[in-house]
Amino acid sequence: MNRSSTIWLLLALVLGFYSLYVFSSGPRESLWVAVSGGVLAVASVAALASFVRSIKSRD
């Protein structure tokens, strides 16, 4: 695994865990919690997709 792949993986993990934290700690009715948690979740999935793409391009 090269450095770029590792960075994408770490970014995906950090964003994913922070998204879970936002969803679990905020009030359920808050629009801000839903929007920010959703954006973080989408960013995490995008970083994970970039990680997978960088791993596949190495082979």
Protein backbone atom coordinates (compact mmCIF):
# COMPACT_ATOMS: atom_id res chain seq x y z
CA MET A 1 0.00 0.00 0.00
CA ASN A 2 1.51 3.32 -1.02
CA ARG A 3 1.27 6.62 0.82
CA SER A 4 -1.65 7.96 -1.21
CA SER A 5 -3.73 4.85 -0.50
CA THR A 6 -3.01 5.10 3.21
CA ILE A 7 -4.07 8.73 3.31
CA TRP A 8 -7.38 7.95 1.58
CA LEU A 9 -8.02 5.11 4.01
CA LEU A 10 -7.28 7.25 7.06
CA LEU A 11 -9.47 10.07 5.73
CA ALA A 12 -12.34 7.64 5.13
CA LEU A 13 -12.04 6.23 8.65
CA VAL A 14 -11.81 9.63 10.35
CA LEU A 15 -14.77 11.04 8.43
CA GLY A 16 -16.82 7.90 9.02
CA PHE A 17 -16.24 7.87 12.76
CA TYR A 18 -16.87 11.60 13.03
CA SER A 19 -20.12 11.16 11.10
CA LEU A 20 -21.21 8.49 13.58
CA TYR A 21 -20.27 10.82 16.44
CA VAL A 22 -22.33 13.67 14.99
CA PHE A 23 -25.36 11.43 14.45
CA SER A 24 -25.15 9.90 17.93
CA SER A 25 -24.43 13.04 19.96
CA GLY A 26 -26.76 15.62 18.46
CA PRO A 27 -30.45 16.16 19.10
CA ARG A 28 -32.59 14.00 16.84
CA GLU A 29 -34.78 16.81 15.51
CA SER A 30 -31.94 19.12 14.54
CA LEU A 31 -31.60 19.83 10.85
CA TRP A 32 -27.94 20.77 11.38
CA VAL A 33 -27.15 17.29 12.73
CA ALA A 34 -28.82 15.62 9.77
CA VAL A 35 -27.14 17.82 7.17
CA SER A 36 -23.64 17.79 8.65
CA GLY A 37 -23.78 14.07 9.43
CA GLY A 38 -25.01 13.34 5.92
CA VAL A 39 -22.27 15.42 4.32
CA LEU A 40 -19.63 13.69 6.45
CA ALA A 41 -21.03 10.27 5.55
CA VAL A 42 -20.98 11.08 1.82
CA ALA A 43 -17.42 12.40 2.10
CA SER A 44 -16.39 9.22 3.91
CA VAL A 45 -17.85 7.03 1.17
CA ALA A 46 -16.12 9.16 -1.49
CA ALA A 47 -12.77 8.82 0.31
CA LEU A 48 -13.32 5.08 0.62
CA ALA A 49 -14.06 4.87 -3.12
CA SER A 50 -10.85 6.78 -3.84
CA PHE A 51 -8.97 4.34 -1.62
CA VAL A 52 -10.37 1.34 -3.48
CA ARG A 53 -9.63 2.98 -6.84
CA SER A 54 -6.02 3.71 -5.84
CA ILE A 55 -5.56 0.11 -4.68
CA LYS A 56 -6.97 -1.27 -7.94
CA SER A 57 -4.84 1.04 -10.08
CA ARG A 58 -1.68 -0.33 -8.46
CA ASP A 59 -2.35 -3.83 -9.75
